[in-house]
Amino acid sequence: MPPEFNGGLEKWKEFLEKNLKWKIPLKNKAPAGKYTVILKFSVDEEGNLSNIIAENDPGFGTKEEAIRVLSKSPKWKPATQNGKAIKYNHKQSITFLVSDQ
């Protein structure tokens, strides 16, 4: 099983709502649209995150903000194989939405 944020998708969304500075692209004058950053990182056997890098940079400060917020993340539930926790390289996307209103 791959790793997951403790509490699953609902808690991941809550974490992002509390910690992500979602107005960053707006402050950097991004045109309306979706800006998705794909992050690659390792989750060790204890659930610690490391080696966080962005595979892409949509611009307007989104890459830096996505890395910052993931770096603040609490421990994740580690990946398991045959019932044993293992180190796992994972990908997670974070999308910023900029409205034209």
PDB file of N, CA and C in Angstrom:
ATOM      1  N   MET A   1       0.840  -1.187   0.000  1.00  0.00           N
ATOM      2  CA  MET A   1       0.000   0.000   0.000  1.00  0.00           C
ATOM      3  C   MET A   1       0.884   1.249   0.000  1.00  0.00           C
ATOM      4  N   PRO A   2       0.545   2.218  -0.818  1.00  0.00           N
ATOM      5  CA  PRO A   2       1.340   3.452  -0.820  1.00  0.00           C
ATOM      6  C   PRO A   2       1.105   4.261   0.459  1.00  0.00           C
ATOM      7  N   PRO A   3       1.982   5.223   0.736  1.00  0.00           N
ATOM      8  CA  PRO A   3       1.790   6.053   1.929  1.00  0.00           C
ATOM      9  C   PRO A   3       0.600   6.978   1.741  1.00  0.00           C
ATOM     10  N   GLU A   4       0.084   7.478   2.859  1.00  0.00           N
ATOM     11  CA  GLU A   4      -0.979   8.467   2.772  1.00  0.00           C
ATOM     12  C   GLU A   4      -0.891   9.420   3.949  1.00  0.00           C
ATOM     13  N   PHE A   5      -1.459  10.594   3.749  1.00  0.00           N
ATOM     14  CA  PHE A   5      -1.537  11.582   4.813  1.00  0.00           C
ATOM     15  C   PHE A   5      -2.370  10.980   5.938  1.00  0.00           C
ATOM     16  N   ASN A   6      -1.918  11.136   7.185  1.00  0.00           N
ATOM     17  CA  ASN A   6      -2.679  10.586   8.316  1.00  0.00           C
ATOM     18  C   ASN A   6      -4.085  11.160   8.331  1.00  0.00           C
ATOM     19  N   GLY A   7      -5.075  10.301   8.307  1.00  0.00           N
ATOM     20  CA  GLY A   7      -6.462  10.737   8.274  1.00  0.00           C
ATOM     21  C   GLY A   7      -7.036  10.719   6.867  1.00  0.00           C
ATOM     22  N   GLY A   8      -6.187  10.421   5.875  1.00  0.00           N
ATOM     23  CA  GLY A   8      -6.672  10.296   4.507  1.00  0.00           C
ATOM     24  C   GLY A   8      -6.900  11.623   3.805  1.00  0.00           C
ATOM     25  N   LEU A   9      -7.647  11.550   2.721  1.00  0.00           N
ATOM     26  CA  LEU A   9      -7.870  12.696   1.838  1.00  0.00           C
ATOM     27  C   LEU A   9      -8.557  13.866   2.547  1.00  0.00           C
ATOM     28  N   GLU A  10      -9.530  13.577   3.403  1.00  0.00           N
ATOM     29  CA  GLU A  10     -10.243  14.646   4.118  1.00  0.00           C
ATOM     30  C   GLU A  10      -9.283  15.475   4.963  1.00  0.00           C
ATOM     31  N   LYS A  11      -8.416  14.797   5.720  1.00  0.00           N
ATOM     32  CA  LYS A  11      -7.454  15.500   6.586  1.00  0.00           C
ATOM     33  C   LYS A  11      -6.399  16.219   5.756  1.00  0.00           C
ATOM     34  N   TRP A  12      -6.041  15.656   4.586  1.00  0.00           N
ATOM     35  CA  TRP A  12      -5.096  16.326   3.676  1.00  0.00           C
ATOM     36  C   TRP A  12      -5.688  17.655   3.219  1.00  0.00           C
ATOM     37  N   LYS A  13      -6.963  17.631   2.833  1.00  0.00           N
ATOM     38  CA  LYS A  13      -7.634  18.857   2.400  1.00  0.00           C
ATOM     39  C   LYS A  13      -7.662  19.886   3.533  1.00  0.00           C
ATOM     40  N   GLU A  14      -7.967  19.439   4.743  1.00  0.00           N
ATOM     41  CA  GLU A  14      -7.982  20.346   5.908  1.00  0.00           C
ATOM     42  C   GLU A  14      -6.604  20.957   6.131  1.00  0.00           C
ATOM     43  N   PHE A  15      -5.566  20.121   6.037  1.00  0.00           N
ATOM     44  CA  PHE A  15      -4.196  20.607   6.220  1.00  0.00           C
ATOM     45  C   PHE A  15      -3.880  21.693   5.192  1.00  0.00           C
ATOM     46  N   LEU A  16      -4.232  21.447   3.929  1.00  0.00           N
ATOM     47  CA  LEU A  16      -3.981  22.438   2.877  1.00  0.00           C
ATOM     48  C   LEU A  16      -4.769  23.713   3.114  1.00  0.00           C
ATOM     49  N   GLU A  17      -6.040  23.585   3.512  1.00  0.00           N
ATOM     50  CA  GLU A  17      -6.867  24.772   3.760  1.00  0.00           C
ATOM     51  C   GLU A  17      -6.268  25.637   4.861  1.00  0.00           C
ATOM     52  N   LYS A  18      -5.659  25.013   5.879  1.00  0.00           N
ATOM     53  CA  LYS A  18      -5.086  25.761   7.003  1.00  0.00           C
ATOM     54  C   LYS A  18      -3.714  26.334   6.687  1.00  0.00           C
ATOM     55  N   ASN A  19      -2.936  25.655   5.850  1.00  0.00           N
ATOM     56  CA  ASN A  19      -1.527  26.000   5.699  1.00  0.00           C
ATOM     57  C   ASN A  19      -1.101  26.543   4.336  1.00  0.00           C
ATOM     58  N   LEU A  20      -1.845  26.241   3.290  1.00  0.00           N
ATOM     59  CA  LEU A  20      -1.452  26.677   1.957  1.00  0.00           C
ATOM     60  C   LEU A  20      -1.820  28.145   1.738  1.00  0.00           C
ATOM     61  N   LYS A  21      -0.849  28.921   1.290  1.00  0.00           N
ATOM     62  CA  LYS A  21      -1.113  30.328   0.949  1.00  0.00           C
ATOM     63  C   LYS A  21      -1.608  30.342  -0.495  1.00  0.00           C
ATOM     64  N   TRP A  22      -2.883  30.063  -0.651  1.00  0.00           N
ATOM     65  CA  TRP A  22      -3.458  29.853  -1.990  1.00  0.00           C
ATOM     66  C   TRP A  22      -3.523  31.115  -2.834  1.00  0.00           C
ATOM     67  N   LYS A  23      -3.358  32.284  -2.201  1.00  0.00           N
ATOM     68  CA  LYS A  23      -3.413  33.539  -2.969  1.00  0.00           C
ATOM     69  C   LYS A  23      -2.068  33.909  -3.597  1.00  0.00           C
ATOM     70  N   ILE A  24      -1.043  33.110  -3.367  1.00  0.00           N
ATOM     71  CA  ILE A  24       0.295  33.401  -3.905  1.00  0.00           C
ATOM     72  C   ILE A  24       0.263  33.705  -5.407  1.00  0.00           C
ATOM     73  N   PRO A  25      -0.338  32.852  -6.261  1.00  0.00           N
ATOM     74  CA  PRO A  25      -0.311  33.181  -7.698  1.00  0.00           C
ATOM     75  C   PRO A  25      -1.068  34.474  -8.013  1.00  0.00           C
ATOM     76  N   LEU A  26      -2.147  34.734  -7.289  1.00  0.00           N
ATOM     77  CA  LEU A  26      -2.925  35.951  -7.488  1.00  0.00           C
ATOM     78  C   LEU A  26      -2.072  37.182  -7.161  1.00  0.00           C
ATOM     79  N   LYS A  27      -1.348  37.113  -6.030  1.00  0.00           N
ATOM     80  CA  LYS A  27      -0.472  38.218  -5.633  1.00  0.00           C
ATOM     81  C   LYS A  27       0.645  38.436  -6.652  1.00  0.00           C
ATOM     82  N   ASN A  28       1.021  37.366  -7.349  1.00  0.00           N
ATOM     83  CA  ASN A  28       2.075  37.458  -8.361  1.00  0.00           C
ATOM     84  C   ASN A  28       1.506  37.693  -9.756  1.00  0.00           C
ATOM     85  N   LYS A  29       0.255  38.180  -9.791  1.00  0.00           N
ATOM     86  CA  LYS A  29      -0.424  38.577 -11.035  1.00  0.00           C
ATOM     87  C   LYS A  29      -0.593  37.459 -12.062  1.00  0.00           C
ATOM     88  N   ALA A  30      -0.890  36.255 -11.573  1.00  0.00           N
ATOM     89  CA  ALA A  30      -1.153  35.124 -12.474  1.00  0.00           C
ATOM     90  C   ALA A  30      -2.498  35.327 -13.157  1.00  0.00           C
ATOM     91  N   PRO A  31      -2.589  35.033 -14.446  1.00  0.00           N
ATOM     92  CA  PRO A  31      -3.897  35.089 -15.097  1.00  0.00           C
ATOM     93  C   PRO A  31      -4.802  33.972 -14.572  1.00  0.00           C
ATOM     94  N   ALA A  32      -6.091  34.116 -14.802  1.00  0.00           N
ATOM     95  CA  ALA A  32      -7.045  33.100 -14.348  1.00  0.00           C
ATOM     96  C   ALA A  32      -6.659  31.742 -14.917  1.00  0.00           C
ATOM     97  N   GLY A  33      -6.817  30.706 -14.098  1.00  0.00           N
ATOM     98  CA  GLY A  33      -6.520  29.357 -14.551  1.00  0.00           C
ATOM     99  C   GLY A  33      -6.144  28.436 -13.408  1.00  0.00           C
ATOM    100  N   LYS A  34      -5.753  27.216 -13.770  1.00  0.00           N
ATOM    101  CA  LYS A  34      -5.320  26.204 -12.809  1.00  0.00           C
ATOM    102  C   LYS A  34      -3.811  26.066 -12.903  1.00  0.00           C
ATOM    103  N   TYR A  35      -3.174  26.033 -11.747  1.00  0.00           N
ATOM    104  CA  TYR A  35      -1.720  25.891 -11.669  1.00  0.00           C
ATOM    105  C   TYR A  35      -1.421  24.685 -10.779  1.00  0.00           C
ATOM    106  N   THR A  36      -1.053  23.571 -11.397  1.00  0.00           N
ATOM    107  CA  THR A  36      -0.815  22.341 -10.656  1.00  0.00           C
ATOM    108  C   THR A  36       0.675  22.066 -10.554  1.00  0.00           C
ATOM    109  N   VAL A  37       1.129  21.879  -9.323  1.00  0.00           N
ATOM    110  CA  VAL A  37       2.518  21.530  -9.046  1.00  0.00           C
ATOM    111  C   VAL A  37       2.548  20.050  -8.677  1.00  0.00           C
ATOM    112  N   ILE A  38       3.411  19.291  -9.325  1.00  0.00           N
ATOM    113  CA  ILE A  38       3.573  17.869  -8.999  1.00  0.00           C
ATOM    114  C   ILE A  38       4.833  17.729  -8.164  1.00  0.00           C
ATOM    115  N   LEU A  39       4.647  17.250  -6.938  1.00  0.00           N
ATOM    116  CA  LEU A  39       5.750  17.094  -5.999  1.00  0.00           C
ATOM    117  C   LEU A  39       6.166  15.633  -5.906  1.00  0.00           C
ATOM    118  N   LYS A  40       7.459  15.416  -5.832  1.00  0.00           N
ATOM    119  CA  LYS A  40       8.018  14.085  -5.658  1.00  0.00           C
ATOM    120  C   LYS A  40       8.772  14.104  -4.335  1.00  0.00           C
ATOM    121  N   PHE A  41       8.589  13.056  -3.510  1.00  0.00           N
ATOM    122  CA  PHE A  41       9.249  13.021  -2.213  1.00  0.00           C
ATOM    123  C   PHE A  41       9.310  11.591  -1.697  1.00  0.00           C
ATOM    124  N   SER A  42      10.110  11.396  -0.668  1.00  0.00           N
ATOM    125  CA  SER A  42      10.234  10.086  -0.030  1.00  0.00           C
ATOM    126  C   SER A  42       9.501  10.100   1.300  1.00  0.00           C
ATOM    127  N   VAL A  43       8.873   8.971   1.602  1.00  0.00           N
ATOM    128  CA  VAL A  43       8.244   8.766   2.910  1.00  0.00           C
ATOM    129  C   VAL A  43       8.962   7.562   3.523  1.00  0.00           C
ATOM    130  N   ASP A  44       9.639   7.774   4.666  1.00  0.00           N
ATOM    131  CA  ASP A  44      10.383   6.663   5.265  1.00  0.00           C
ATOM    132  C   ASP A  44       9.483   5.766   6.105  1.00  0.00           C
ATOM    133  N   GLU A  45      10.086   4.770   6.727  1.00  0.00           N
ATOM    134  CA  GLU A  45       9.333   3.770   7.498  1.00  0.00           C
ATOM    135  C   GLU A  45       8.605   4.364   8.700  1.00  0.00           C
ATOM    136  N   GLU A  46       9.060   5.544   9.168  1.00  0.00           N
ATOM    137  CA  GLU A  46       8.384   6.208  10.295  1.00  0.00           C
ATOM    138  C   GLU A  46       7.364   7.244   9.826  1.00  0.00           C
ATOM    139  N   GLY A  47       7.280   7.467   8.511  1.00  0.00           N
ATOM    140  CA  GLY A  47       6.333   8.441   7.982  1.00  0.00           C
ATOM    141  C   GLY A  47       6.905   9.829   7.781  1.00  0.00           C
ATOM    142  N   ASN A  48       8.233   9.976   7.942  1.00  0.00           N
ATOM    143  CA  ASN A  48       8.883  11.266   7.718  1.00  0.00           C
ATOM    144  C   ASN A  48       9.028  11.529   6.228  1.00  0.00           C
ATOM    145  N   LEU A  49       8.857  12.796   5.835  1.00  0.00           N
ATOM    146  CA  LEU A  49       8.999  13.194   4.438  1.00  0.00           C
ATOM    147  C   LEU A  49      10.384  13.789   4.213  1.00  0.00           C
ATOM    148  N   SER A  50      10.981  13.475   3.061  1.00  0.00           N
ATOM    149  CA  SER A  50      12.284  14.041   2.713  1.00  0.00           C
ATOM    150  C   SER A  50      12.419  14.124   1.198  1.00  0.00           C
ATOM    151  N   ASN A  51      13.490  14.772   0.750  1.00  0.00           N
ATOM    152  CA  ASN A  51      13.792  14.897  -0.690  1.00  0.00           C
ATOM    153  C   ASN A  51      12.611  15.468  -1.481  1.00  0.00           C
ATOM    154  N   ILE A  52      11.996  16.509  -0.945  1.00  0.00           N
ATOM    155  CA  ILE A  52      10.828  17.109  -1.605  1.00  0.00           C
ATOM    156  C   ILE A  52      11.294  17.987  -2.766  1.00  0.00           C
ATOM    157  N   ILE A  53      10.872  17.623  -3.973  1.00  0.00           N
ATOM    158  CA  ILE A  53      11.189  18.426  -5.152  1.00  0.00           C
ATOM    159  C   ILE A  53       9.942  18.548  -6.026  1.00  0.00           C
ATOM    160  N   ALA A  54       9.897  19.623  -6.790  1.00  0.00           N
ATOM    161  CA  ALA A  54       8.790  19.811  -7.728  1.00  0.00           C
ATOM    162  C   ALA A  54       9.233  19.298  -9.092  1.00  0.00           C
ATOM    163  N   GLU A  55       8.381  18.528  -9.737  1.00  0.00           N
ATOM    164  CA  GLU A  55       8.685  18.024 -11.074  1.00  0.00           C
ATOM    165  C   GLU A  55       8.405  19.073 -12.143  1.00  0.00           C
ATOM    166  N   ASN A  56       7.637  20.087 -11.773  1.00  0.00           N
ATOM    167  CA  ASN A  56       7.295  21.142 -12.732  1.00  0.00           C
ATOM    168  C   ASN A  56       7.165  22.468 -11.991  1.00  0.00           C
ATOM    169  N   ASP A  57       7.122  23.546 -12.745  1.00  0.00           N
ATOM    170  CA  ASP A  57       6.953  24.869 -12.150  1.00  0.00           C
ATOM    171  C   ASP A  57       6.001  25.687 -13.012  1.00  0.00           C
ATOM    172  N   PRO A  58       4.711  25.737 -12.607  1.00  0.00           N
ATOM    173  CA  PRO A  58       3.748  26.528 -13.371  1.00  0.00           C
ATOM    174  C   PRO A  58       3.971  28.038 -13.232  1.00  0.00           C
ATOM    175  N   GLY A  59       4.870  28.433 -12.341  1.00  0.00           N
ATOM    176  CA  GLY A  59       5.193  29.852 -12.176  1.00  0.00           C
ATOM    177  C   GLY A  59       4.368  30.547 -11.107  1.00  0.00           C
ATOM    178  N   PHE A  60       4.592  31.840 -10.982  1.00  0.00           N
ATOM    179  CA  PHE A  60       3.850  32.728 -10.076  1.00  0.00           C
ATOM    180  C   PHE A  60       4.001  32.341  -8.604  1.00  0.00           C
ATOM    181  N   GLY A  61       5.126  31.692  -8.245  1.00  0.00           N
ATOM    182  CA  GLY A  61       5.390  31.328  -6.858  1.00  0.00           C
ATOM    183  C   GLY A  61       4.748  30.039  -6.411  1.00  0.00           C
ATOM    184  N   THR A  62       4.061  29.347  -7.313  1.00  0.00           N
ATOM    185  CA  THR A  62       3.326  28.139  -6.927  1.00  0.00           C
ATOM    186  C   THR A  62       4.248  26.991  -6.527  1.00  0.00           C
ATOM    187  N   LYS A  63       5.344  26.814  -7.260  1.00  0.00           N
ATOM    188  CA  LYS A  63       6.282  25.724  -6.948  1.00  0.00           C
ATOM    189  C   LYS A  63       6.841  25.899  -5.538  1.00  0.00           C
ATOM    190  N   GLU A  64       7.322  27.091  -5.229  1.00  0.00           N
ATOM    191  CA  GLU A  64       7.918  27.351  -3.922  1.00  0.00           C
ATOM    192  C   GLU A  64       6.905  27.176  -2.794  1.00  0.00           C
ATOM    193  N   GLU A  65       5.678  27.623  -3.026  1.00  0.00           N
ATOM    194  CA  GLU A  65       4.643  27.495  -1.998  1.00  0.00           C
ATOM    195  C   GLU A  65       4.251  26.035  -1.787  1.00  0.00           C
ATOM    196  N   ALA A  66       4.162  25.263  -2.856  1.00  0.00           N
ATOM    197  CA  ALA A  66       3.816  23.841  -2.732  1.00  0.00           C
ATOM    198  C   ALA A  66       4.895  23.097  -1.946  1.00  0.00           C
ATOM    199  N   ILE A  67       6.158  23.388  -2.243  1.00  0.00           N
ATOM    200  CA  ILE A  67       7.258  22.752  -1.504  1.00  0.00           C
ATOM    201  C   ILE A  67       7.224  23.179  -0.039  1.00  0.00           C
ATOM    202  N   ARG A  68       6.980  24.466   0.201  1.00  0.00           N
ATOM    203  CA  ARG A  68       6.928  24.980   1.583  1.00  0.00           C
ATOM    204  C   ARG A  68       5.856  24.274   2.403  1.00  0.00           C
ATOM    205  N   VAL A  69       4.658  24.166   1.836  1.00  0.00           N
ATOM    206  CA  VAL A  69       3.557  23.589   2.604  1.00  0.00           C
ATOM    207  C   VAL A  69       3.769  22.092   2.835  1.00  0.00           C
ATOM    208  N   LEU A  70       4.298  21.389   1.853  1.00  0.00           N
ATOM    209  CA  LEU A  70       4.549  19.955   2.059  1.00  0.00           C
ATOM    210  C   LEU A  70       5.652  19.750   3.097  1.00  0.00           C
ATOM    211  N   SER A  71       6.609  20.654   3.137  1.00  0.00           N
ATOM    212  CA  SER A  71       7.686  20.577   4.133  1.00  0.00           C
ATOM    213  C   SER A  71       7.158  20.736   5.558  1.00  0.00           C
ATOM    214  N   LYS A  72       6.022  21.425   5.701  1.00  0.00           N
ATOM    215  CA  LYS A  72       5.389  21.629   7.023  1.00  0.00           C
ATOM    216  C   LYS A  72       4.520  20.447   7.445  1.00  0.00           C
ATOM    217  N   SER A  73       4.303  19.523   6.537  1.00  0.00           N
ATOM    218  CA  SER A  73       3.379  18.417   6.792  1.00  0.00           C
ATOM    219  C   SER A  73       3.810  17.578   7.987  1.00  0.00           C
ATOM    220  N   PRO A  74       2.831  17.149   8.787  1.00  0.00           N
ATOM    221  CA  PRO A  74       3.170  16.177   9.839  1.00  0.00           C
ATOM    222  C   PRO A  74       3.504  14.833   9.188  1.00  0.00           C
ATOM    223  N   LYS A  75       3.916  13.896  10.010  1.00  0.00           N
ATOM    224  CA  LYS A  75       4.244  12.563   9.502  1.00  0.00           C
ATOM    225  C   LYS A  75       3.068  11.957   8.748  1.00  0.00           C
ATOM    226  N   TRP A  76       3.387  11.170   7.738  1.00  0.00           N
ATOM    227  CA  TRP A  76       2.387  10.437   6.972  1.00  0.00           C
ATOM    228  C   TRP A  76       2.327   9.002   7.478  1.00  0.00           C
ATOM    229  N   LYS A  77       1.294   8.310   7.061  1.00  0.00           N
ATOM    230  CA  LYS A  77       1.201   6.875   7.299  1.00  0.00           C
ATOM    231  C   LYS A  77       2.130   6.225   6.269  1.00  0.00           C
ATOM    232  N   PRO A  78       3.169   5.492   6.712  1.00  0.00           N
ATOM    233  CA  PRO A  78       4.125   4.951   5.752  1.00  0.00           C
ATOM    234  C   PRO A  78       3.518   3.889   4.829  1.00  0.00           C
ATOM    235  N   ALA A  79       4.190   3.687   3.718  1.00  0.00           N
ATOM    236  CA  ALA A  79       3.798   2.624   2.795  1.00  0.00           C
ATOM    237  C   ALA A  79       4.063   1.284   3.463  1.00  0.00           C
ATOM    238  N   THR A  80       3.300   0.285   3.067  1.00  0.00           N
ATOM    239  CA  THR A  80       3.518  -1.051   3.615  1.00  0.00           C
ATOM    240  C   THR A  80       3.609  -2.078   2.494  1.00  0.00           C
ATOM    241  N   GLN A  81       4.423  -3.086   2.760  1.00  0.00           N
ATOM    242  CA  GLN A  81       4.545  -4.213   1.844  1.00  0.00           C
ATOM    243  C   GLN A  81       4.625  -5.462   2.711  1.00  0.00           C
ATOM    244  N   ASN A  82       3.733  -6.397   2.446  1.00  0.00           N
ATOM    245  CA  ASN A  82       3.648  -7.617   3.261  1.00  0.00           C
ATOM    246  C   ASN A  82       3.493  -7.290   4.748  1.00  0.00           C
ATOM    247  N   GLY A  83       2.714  -6.252   5.032  1.00  0.00           N
ATOM    248  CA  GLY A  83       2.428  -5.867   6.414  1.00  0.00           C
ATOM    249  C   GLY A  83       3.552  -5.114   7.113  1.00  0.00           C
ATOM    250  N   LYS A  84       4.616  -4.805   6.403  1.00  0.00           N
ATOM    251  CA  LYS A  84       5.765  -4.133   7.003  1.00  0.00           C
ATOM    252  C   LYS A  84       5.935  -2.745   6.383  1.00  0.00           C
ATOM    253  N   ALA A  85       6.234  -1.738   7.242  1.00  0.00           N
ATOM    254  CA  ALA A  85       6.463  -0.372   6.748  1.00  0.00           C
ATOM    255  C   ALA A  85       7.741  -0.335   5.928  1.00  0.00           C
ATOM    256  N   ILE A  86       7.659   0.373   4.782  1.00  0.00           N
ATOM    257  CA  ILE A  86       8.814   0.492   3.893  1.00  0.00           C
ATOM    258  C   ILE A  86       8.998   1.944   3.460  1.00  0.00           C
ATOM    259  N   LYS A  87      10.222   2.265   2.996  1.00  0.00           N
ATOM    260  CA  LYS A  87      10.485   3.584   2.410  1.00  0.00           C
ATOM    261  C   LYS A  87       9.851   3.583   1.019  1.00  0.00           C
ATOM    262  N   TYR A  88       9.291   4.737   0.622  1.00  0.00           N
ATOM    263  CA  TYR A  88       8.542   4.794  -0.634  1.00  0.00           C
ATOM    264  C   TYR A  88       8.719   6.166  -1.263  1.00  0.00           C
ATOM    265  N   ASN A  89       8.968   6.182  -2.555  1.00  0.00           N
ATOM    266  CA  ASN A  89       9.002   7.439  -3.297  1.00  0.00           C
ATOM    267  C   ASN A  89       7.600   7.713  -3.804  1.00  0.00           C
ATOM    268  N   HIS A  90       7.086   8.873  -3.481  1.00  0.00           N
ATOM    269  CA  HIS A  90       5.679   9.186  -3.722  1.00  0.00           C
ATOM    270  C   HIS A  90       5.545  10.467  -4.538  1.00  0.00           C
ATOM    271  N   LYS A  91       4.398  10.629  -5.185  1.00  0.00           N
ATOM    272  CA  LYS A  91       4.074  11.870  -5.893  1.00  0.00           C
ATOM    273  C   LYS A  91       2.749  12.395  -5.370  1.00  0.00           C
ATOM    274  N   GLN A  92       2.659  13.703  -5.282  1.00  0.00           N
ATOM    275  CA  GLN A  92       1.436  14.361  -4.823  1.00  0.00           C
ATOM    276  C   GLN A  92       1.311  15.673  -5.573  1.00  0.00           C
ATOM    277  N   SER A  93       0.122  15.955  -6.069  1.00  0.00           N
ATOM    278  CA  SER A  93      -0.056  17.238  -6.754  1.00  0.00           C
ATOM    279  C   SER A  93      -0.814  18.212  -5.859  1.00  0.00           C
ATOM    280  N   ILE A  94      -0.493  19.485  -6.045  1.00  0.00           N
ATOM    281  CA  ILE A  94      -1.201  20.581  -5.369  1.00  0.00           C
ATOM    282  C   ILE A  94      -1.611  21.565  -6.455  1.00  0.00           C
ATOM    283  N   THR A  95      -2.911  21.880  -6.504  1.00  0.00           N
ATOM    284  CA  THR A  95      -3.434  22.762  -7.537  1.00  0.00           C
ATOM    285  C   THR A  95      -3.887  24.084  -6.937  1.00  0.00           C
ATOM    286  N   PHE A  96      -3.451  25.155  -7.555  1.00  0.00           N
ATOM    287  CA  PHE A  96      -3.883  26.504  -7.200  1.00  0.00           C
ATOM    288  C   PHE A  96      -4.882  26.943  -8.259  1.00  0.00           C
ATOM    289  N   LEU A  97      -6.006  27.491  -7.828  1.00  0.00           N
ATOM    290  CA  LEU A  97      -7.006  28.002  -8.774  1.00  0.00           C
ATOM    291  C   LEU A  97      -7.043  29.517  -8.682  1.00  0.00           C
ATOM    292  N   VAL A  98      -6.946  30.153  -9.836  1.00  0.00           N
ATOM    293  CA  VAL A  98      -7.040  31.606  -9.897  1.00  0.00           C
ATOM    294  C   VAL A  98      -8.280  31.943 -10.707  1.00  0.00           C
ATOM    295  N   SER A  99      -9.201  32.646 -10.061  1.00  0.00           N
ATOM    296  CA  SER A  99     -10.445  33.032 -10.711  1.00  0.00           C
ATOM    297  C   SER A  99     -10.279  34.398 -11.351  1.00  0.00           C
ATOM    298  N   ASP A 100     -11.038  34.633 -12.425  1.00  0.00           N
ATOM    299  CA  ASP A 100     -10.950  35.954 -13.070  1.00  0.00           C
ATOM    300  C   ASP A 100     -11.984  36.929 -12.512  1.00  0.00           C
ATOM    301  N   GLN A 101     -12.551  36.576 -11.367  1.00  0.00           N
ATOM    302  CA  GLN A 101     -13.551  37.452 -10.758  1.00  0.00           C
ATOM    303  C   GLN A 101     -12.981  38.225  -9.610  1.00  0.00           C
TER     304      GLN A 101
END
